[in-house]
Amino acid sequence: MPALDYPFIAMLSPVEIVVVLLVALVFFGGKKIPELAKGLGAGLKNFKTALKDESPAPEEKKQP
């Protein structure tokens, strides 16, 4: 993963990344972060599944 693909990460030093992670830990708490990560992972999984599905949209039934 070259740094050019993610320029915002390349601008952060390791110390700044640690500070951001510590602030997130204090803000959300130790128990909440795994729950947030689990929810984010489930959301991404559902999004990928929906993209792969590619089934046509259901057509509306016309009543005579």
PDB file of N, CA and C in Angstrom:
ATOM      1  N   MET A   1       0.854  -1.168   0.000  1.00  0.00           N
ATOM      2  CA  MET A   1       0.000   0.000   0.000  1.00  0.00           C
ATOM      3  C   MET A   1       0.901   1.231   0.000  1.00  0.00           C
ATOM      4  N   PRO A   2       1.148   1.785  -1.145  1.00  0.00           N
ATOM      5  CA  PRO A   2       1.996   2.978  -1.216  1.00  0.00           C
ATOM      6  C   PRO A   2       1.357   4.167  -0.516  1.00  0.00           C
ATOM      7  N   ALA A   3       2.203   5.034  -0.012  1.00  0.00           N
ATOM      8  CA  ALA A   3       1.722   6.221   0.702  1.00  0.00           C
ATOM      9  C   ALA A   3       0.994   7.186  -0.224  1.00  0.00           C
ATOM     10  N   LEU A   4       1.241   7.101  -1.523  1.00  0.00           N
ATOM     11  CA  LEU A   4       0.596   8.013  -2.458  1.00  0.00           C
ATOM     12  C   LEU A   4      -0.903   7.745  -2.572  1.00  0.00           C
ATOM     13  N   ASP A   5      -1.335   6.499  -2.298  1.00  0.00           N
ATOM     14  CA  ASP A   5      -2.759   6.182  -2.368  1.00  0.00           C
ATOM     15  C   ASP A   5      -3.534   6.817  -1.224  1.00  0.00           C
ATOM     16  N   TYR A   6      -2.883   7.025  -0.102  1.00  0.00           N
ATOM     17  CA  TYR A   6      -3.516   7.598   1.081  1.00  0.00           C
ATOM     18  C   TYR A   6      -2.688   8.773   1.589  1.00  0.00           C
ATOM     19  N   PRO A   7      -2.766   9.930   0.937  1.00  0.00           N
ATOM     20  CA  PRO A   7      -1.892  11.047   1.314  1.00  0.00           C
ATOM     21  C   PRO A   7      -2.162  11.580   2.713  1.00  0.00           C
ATOM     22  N   PHE A   8      -3.400  11.472   3.216  1.00  0.00           N
ATOM     23  CA  PHE A   8      -3.689  11.990   4.556  1.00  0.00           C
ATOM     24  C   PHE A   8      -2.979  11.169   5.624  1.00  0.00           C
ATOM     25  N   ILE A   9      -2.736   9.875   5.364  1.00  0.00           N
ATOM     26  CA  ILE A   9      -1.999   9.049   6.322  1.00  0.00           C
ATOM     27  C   ILE A   9      -0.509   9.384   6.259  1.00  0.00           C
ATOM     28  N   ALA A  10      -0.015   9.680   5.064  1.00  0.00           N
ATOM     29  CA  ALA A  10       1.402   9.991   4.910  1.00  0.00           C
ATOM     30  C   ALA A  10       1.767  11.287   5.621  1.00  0.00           C
ATOM     31  N   MET A  11       0.789  12.179   5.809  1.00  0.00           N
ATOM     32  CA  MET A  11       1.070  13.450   6.458  1.00  0.00           C
ATOM     33  C   MET A  11       1.157  13.304   7.974  1.00  0.00           C
ATOM     34  N   LEU A  12       0.651  12.205   8.530  1.00  0.00           N
ATOM     35  CA  LEU A  12       0.674  12.013   9.977  1.00  0.00           C
ATOM     36  C   LEU A  12       1.918  11.242  10.386  1.00  0.00           C
ATOM     37  N   SER A  13       2.559  11.707  11.442  1.00  0.00           N
ATOM     38  CA  SER A  13       3.698  10.973  11.978  1.00  0.00           C
ATOM     39  C   SER A  13       3.168   9.897  12.919  1.00  0.00           C
ATOM     40  N   PRO A  14       3.977   8.913  13.259  1.00  0.00           N
ATOM     41  CA  PRO A  14       3.529   7.863  14.188  1.00  0.00           C
ATOM     42  C   PRO A  14       3.090   8.422  15.545  1.00  0.00           C
ATOM     43  N   VAL A  15       3.731   9.472  16.002  1.00  0.00           N
ATOM     44  CA  VAL A  15       3.358  10.075  17.283  1.00  0.00           C
ATOM     45  C   VAL A  15       1.956  10.673  17.183  1.00  0.00           C
ATOM     46  N   GLU A  16       1.652  11.328  16.081  1.00  0.00           N
ATOM     47  CA  GLU A  16       0.323  11.913  15.898  1.00  0.00           C
ATOM     48  C   GLU A  16      -0.751  10.836  15.817  1.00  0.00           C
ATOM     49  N   ILE A  17      -0.445   9.725  15.181  1.00  0.00           N
ATOM     50  CA  ILE A  17      -1.400   8.621  15.096  1.00  0.00           C
ATOM     51  C   ILE A  17      -1.686   8.068  16.484  1.00  0.00           C
ATOM     52  N   VAL A  18      -0.655   7.908  17.304  1.00  0.00           N
ATOM     53  CA  VAL A  18      -0.843   7.418  18.677  1.00  0.00           C
ATOM     54  C   VAL A  18      -1.697   8.390  19.475  1.00  0.00           C
ATOM     55  N   VAL A  19      -1.461   9.678  19.313  1.00  0.00           N
ATOM     56  CA  VAL A  19      -2.254  10.680  20.032  1.00  0.00           C
ATOM     57  C   VAL A  19      -3.720  10.600  19.608  1.00  0.00           C
ATOM     58  N   VAL A  20      -3.973  10.450  18.322  1.00  0.00           N
ATOM     59  CA  VAL A  20      -5.351  10.341  17.838  1.00  0.00           C
ATOM     60  C   VAL A  20      -6.015   9.091  18.424  1.00  0.00           C
ATOM     61  N   LEU A  21      -5.303   7.979  18.455  1.00  0.00           N
ATOM     62  CA  LEU A  21      -5.854   6.753  19.022  1.00  0.00           C
ATOM     63  C   LEU A  21      -6.131   6.896  20.517  1.00  0.00           C
ATOM     64  N   LEU A  22      -5.254   7.559  21.237  1.00  0.00           N
ATOM     65  CA  LEU A  22      -5.476   7.777  22.666  1.00  0.00           C
ATOM     66  C   LEU A  22      -6.683   8.678  22.910  1.00  0.00           C
ATOM     67  N   VAL A  23      -6.839   9.703  22.113  1.00  0.00           N
ATOM     68  CA  VAL A  23      -8.001  10.580  22.248  1.00  0.00           C
ATOM     69  C   VAL A  23      -9.285   9.797  21.963  1.00  0.00           C
ATOM     70  N   ALA A  24      -9.255   8.932  20.960  1.00  0.00           N
ATOM     71  CA  ALA A  24     -10.426   8.103  20.656  1.00  0.00           C
ATOM     72  C   ALA A  24     -10.727   7.158  21.815  1.00  0.00           C
ATOM     73  N   LEU A  25      -9.697   6.616  22.435  1.00  0.00           N
ATOM     74  CA  LEU A  25      -9.878   5.724  23.578  1.00  0.00           C
ATOM     75  C   LEU A  25     -10.510   6.465  24.749  1.00  0.00           C
ATOM     76  N   VAL A  26     -10.055   7.669  25.014  1.00  0.00           N
ATOM     77  CA  VAL A  26     -10.613   8.456  26.117  1.00  0.00           C
ATOM     78  C   VAL A  26     -12.044   8.891  25.786  1.00  0.00           C
ATOM     79  N   PHE A  27     -12.263   9.292  24.551  1.00  0.00           N
ATOM     80  CA  PHE A  27     -13.576   9.805  24.160  1.00  0.00           C
ATOM     81  C   PHE A  27     -14.651   8.711  24.161  1.00  0.00           C
ATOM     82  N   PHE A  28     -14.344   7.551  23.578  1.00  0.00           N
ATOM     83  CA  PHE A  28     -15.329   6.483  23.456  1.00  0.00           C
ATOM     84  C   PHE A  28     -15.273   5.468  24.597  1.00  0.00           C
ATOM     85  N   GLY A  29     -14.146   5.313  25.232  1.00  0.00           N
ATOM     86  CA  GLY A  29     -14.016   4.315  26.282  1.00  0.00           C
ATOM     87  C   GLY A  29     -13.547   2.985  25.714  1.00  0.00           C
ATOM     88  N   GLY A  30     -12.947   2.195  26.566  1.00  0.00           N
ATOM     89  CA  GLY A  30     -12.363   0.932  26.135  1.00  0.00           C
ATOM     90  C   GLY A  30     -13.374  -0.093  25.659  1.00  0.00           C
ATOM     91  N   LYS A  31     -14.568  -0.091  26.229  1.00  0.00           N
ATOM     92  CA  LYS A  31     -15.568  -1.090  25.841  1.00  0.00           C
ATOM     93  C   LYS A  31     -16.298  -0.715  24.562  1.00  0.00           C
ATOM     94  N   LYS A  32     -16.389   0.551  24.285  1.00  0.00           N
ATOM     95  CA  LYS A  32     -17.175   1.005  23.135  1.00  0.00           C
ATOM     96  C   LYS A  32     -16.428   0.842  21.808  1.00  0.00           C
ATOM     97  N   ILE A  33     -15.112   0.934  21.820  1.00  0.00           N
ATOM     98  CA  ILE A  33     -14.336   0.876  20.569  1.00  0.00           C
ATOM     99  C   ILE A  33     -14.507  -0.466  19.851  1.00  0.00           C
ATOM    100  N   PRO A  34     -14.422  -1.628  20.539  1.00  0.00           N
ATOM    101  CA  PRO A  34     -14.665  -2.888  19.815  1.00  0.00           C
ATOM    102  C   PRO A  34     -16.085  -2.980  19.241  1.00  0.00           C
ATOM    103  N   GLU A  35     -17.057  -2.425  19.942  1.00  0.00           N
ATOM    104  CA  GLU A  35     -18.421  -2.428  19.428  1.00  0.00           C
ATOM    105  C   GLU A  35     -18.529  -1.573  18.169  1.00  0.00           C
ATOM    106  N   LEU A  36     -17.867  -0.423  18.171  1.00  0.00           N
ATOM    107  CA  LEU A  36     -17.877   0.440  16.987  1.00  0.00           C
ATOM    108  C   LEU A  36     -17.189  -0.247  15.808  1.00  0.00           C
ATOM    109  N   ALA A  37     -16.065  -0.906  16.071  1.00  0.00           N
ATOM    110  CA  ALA A  37     -15.344  -1.602  15.009  1.00  0.00           C
ATOM    111  C   ALA A  37     -16.168  -2.764  14.461  1.00  0.00           C
ATOM    112  N   LYS A  38     -16.866  -3.476  15.337  1.00  0.00           N
ATOM    113  CA  LYS A  38     -17.710  -4.584  14.910  1.00  0.00           C
ATOM    114  C   LYS A  38     -18.846  -4.074  14.019  1.00  0.00           C
ATOM    115  N   GLY A  39     -19.474  -2.985  14.426  1.00  0.00           N
ATOM    116  CA  GLY A  39     -20.550  -2.405  13.624  1.00  0.00           C
ATOM    117  C   GLY A  39     -20.057  -1.904  12.282  1.00  0.00           C
ATOM    118  N   LEU A  40     -18.877  -1.289  12.266  1.00  0.00           N
ATOM    119  CA  LEU A  40     -18.299  -0.808  11.017  1.00  0.00           C
ATOM    120  C   LEU A  40     -17.982  -1.975  10.086  1.00  0.00           C
ATOM    121  N   GLY A  41     -17.433  -3.043  10.641  1.00  0.00           N
ATOM    122  CA  GLY A  41     -17.133  -4.229   9.835  1.00  0.00           C
ATOM    123  C   GLY A  41     -18.380  -4.865   9.251  1.00  0.00           C
ATOM    124  N   ALA A  42     -19.432  -4.948  10.054  1.00  0.00           N
ATOM    125  CA  ALA A  42     -20.688  -5.514   9.565  1.00  0.00           C
ATOM    126  C   ALA A  42     -21.286  -4.633   8.464  1.00  0.00           C
ATOM    127  N   GLY A  43     -21.195  -3.338   8.634  1.00  0.00           N
ATOM    128  CA  GLY A  43     -21.700  -2.429   7.611  1.00  0.00           C
ATOM    129  C   GLY A  43     -20.944  -2.559   6.303  1.00  0.00           C
ATOM    130  N   LEU A  44     -19.622  -2.666   6.388  1.00  0.00           N
ATOM    131  CA  LEU A  44     -18.816  -2.836   5.177  1.00  0.00           C
ATOM    132  C   LEU A  44     -19.119  -4.168   4.498  1.00  0.00           C
ATOM    133  N   LYS A  45     -19.322  -5.209   5.299  1.00  0.00           N
ATOM    134  CA  LYS A  45     -19.645  -6.522   4.742  1.00  0.00           C
ATOM    135  C   LYS A  45     -20.972  -6.469   3.998  1.00  0.00           C
ATOM    136  N   ASN A  46     -21.964  -5.822   4.593  1.00  0.00           N
ATOM    137  CA  ASN A  46     -23.267  -5.689   3.931  1.00  0.00           C
ATOM    138  C   ASN A  46     -23.158  -4.864   2.657  1.00  0.00           C
ATOM    139  N   PHE A  47     -22.344  -3.827   2.678  1.00  0.00           N
ATOM    140  CA  PHE A  47     -22.155  -2.984   1.501  1.00  0.00           C
ATOM    141  C   PHE A  47     -21.510  -3.780   0.367  1.00  0.00           C
ATOM    142  N   LYS A  48     -20.482  -4.557   0.680  1.00  0.00           N
ATOM    143  CA  LYS A  48     -19.820  -5.364  -0.342  1.00  0.00           C
ATOM    144  C   LYS A  48     -20.765  -6.419  -0.911  1.00  0.00           C
ATOM    145  N   THR A  49     -21.566  -7.029  -0.038  1.00  0.00           N
ATOM    146  CA  THR A  49     -22.528  -8.021  -0.494  1.00  0.00           C
ATOM    147  C   THR A  49     -23.549  -7.387  -1.430  1.00  0.00           C
ATOM    148  N   ALA A  50     -23.998  -6.196  -1.090  1.00  0.00           N
ATOM    149  CA  ALA A  50     -24.967  -5.504  -1.941  1.00  0.00           C
ATOM    150  C   ALA A  50     -24.355  -5.137  -3.291  1.00  0.00           C
ATOM    151  N   LEU A  51     -23.089  -4.784  -3.312  1.00  0.00           N
ATOM    152  CA  LEU A  51     -22.442  -4.462  -4.581  1.00  0.00           C
ATOM    153  C   LEU A  51     -22.270  -5.699  -5.464  1.00  0.00           C
ATOM    154  N   LYS A  52     -21.955  -6.831  -4.837  1.00  0.00           N
ATOM    155  CA  LYS A  52     -21.753  -8.067  -5.604  1.00  0.00           C
ATOM    156  C   LYS A  52     -23.070  -8.644  -6.097  1.00  0.00           C
ATOM    157  N   ASP A  53     -24.151  -8.366  -5.398  1.00  0.00           N
ATOM    158  CA  ASP A  53     -25.444  -8.940  -5.746  1.00  0.00           C
ATOM    159  C   ASP A  53     -25.876  -8.513  -7.135  1.00  0.00           C
ATOM    160  N   GLU A  54     -25.864  -7.232  -7.405  1.00  0.00           N
ATOM    161  CA  GLU A  54     -26.177  -6.645  -8.703  1.00  0.00           C
ATOM    162  C   GLU A  54     -27.461  -7.194  -9.329  1.00  0.00           C
ATOM    163  N   SER A  55     -28.435  -7.544  -8.517  1.00  0.00           N
ATOM    164  CA  SER A  55     -29.706  -7.987  -9.075  1.00  0.00           C
ATOM    165  C   SER A  55     -30.496  -6.765  -9.520  1.00  0.00           C
ATOM    166  N   PRO A  56     -31.271  -6.892 -10.563  1.00  0.00           N
ATOM    167  CA  PRO A  56     -32.030  -5.730 -11.039  1.00  0.00           C
ATOM    168  C   PRO A  56     -33.064  -5.310  -9.997  1.00  0.00           C
ATOM    169  N   ALA A  57     -33.396  -4.066 -10.013  1.00  0.00           N
ATOM    170  CA  ALA A  57     -34.386  -3.525  -9.076  1.00  0.00           C
ATOM    171  C   ALA A  57     -35.737  -4.145  -9.373  1.00  0.00           C
ATOM    172  N   PRO A  58     -36.498  -4.459  -8.333  1.00  0.00           N
ATOM    173  CA  PRO A  58     -37.821  -5.063  -8.587  1.00  0.00           C
ATOM    174  C   PRO A  58     -38.734  -4.089  -9.316  1.00  0.00           C
ATOM    175  N   GLU A  59     -39.443  -4.603 -10.299  1.00  0.00           N
ATOM    176  CA  GLU A  59     -40.337  -3.763 -11.078  1.00  0.00           C
ATOM    177  C   GLU A  59     -41.647  -3.611 -10.335  1.00  0.00           C
ATOM    178  N   GLU A  60     -42.230  -2.443 -10.452  1.00  0.00           N
ATOM    179  CA  GLU A  60     -43.512  -2.219  -9.841  1.00  0.00           C
ATOM    180  C   GLU A  60     -44.595  -2.945 -10.617  1.00  0.00           C
ATOM    181  N   LYS A  61     -45.518  -3.547  -9.880  1.00  0.00           N
ATOM    182  CA  LYS A  61     -46.623  -4.254 -10.549  1.00  0.00           C
ATOM    183  C   LYS A  61     -47.692  -3.244 -10.942  1.00  0.00           C
ATOM    184  N   LYS A  62     -48.071  -3.304 -12.185  1.00  0.00           N
ATOM    185  CA  LYS A  62     -49.112  -2.410 -12.690  1.00  0.00           C
ATOM    186  C   LYS A  62     -50.453  -3.123 -12.602  1.00  0.00           C
ATOM    187  N   GLN A  63     -51.400  -2.474 -11.995  1.00  0.00           N
ATOM    188  CA  GLN A  63     -52.717  -3.061 -11.893  1.00  0.00           C
ATOM    189  C   GLN A  63     -53.557  -2.657 -13.094  1.00  0.00           C
ATOM    190  N   PRO A  64     -54.269  -3.641 -13.697  1.00  0.00           N
ATOM    191  CA  PRO A  64     -55.077  -3.328 -14.888  1.00  0.00           C
ATOM    192  C   PRO A  64     -56.314  -2.531 -14.583  1.00  0.00           C
TER     193      PRO A  64
END
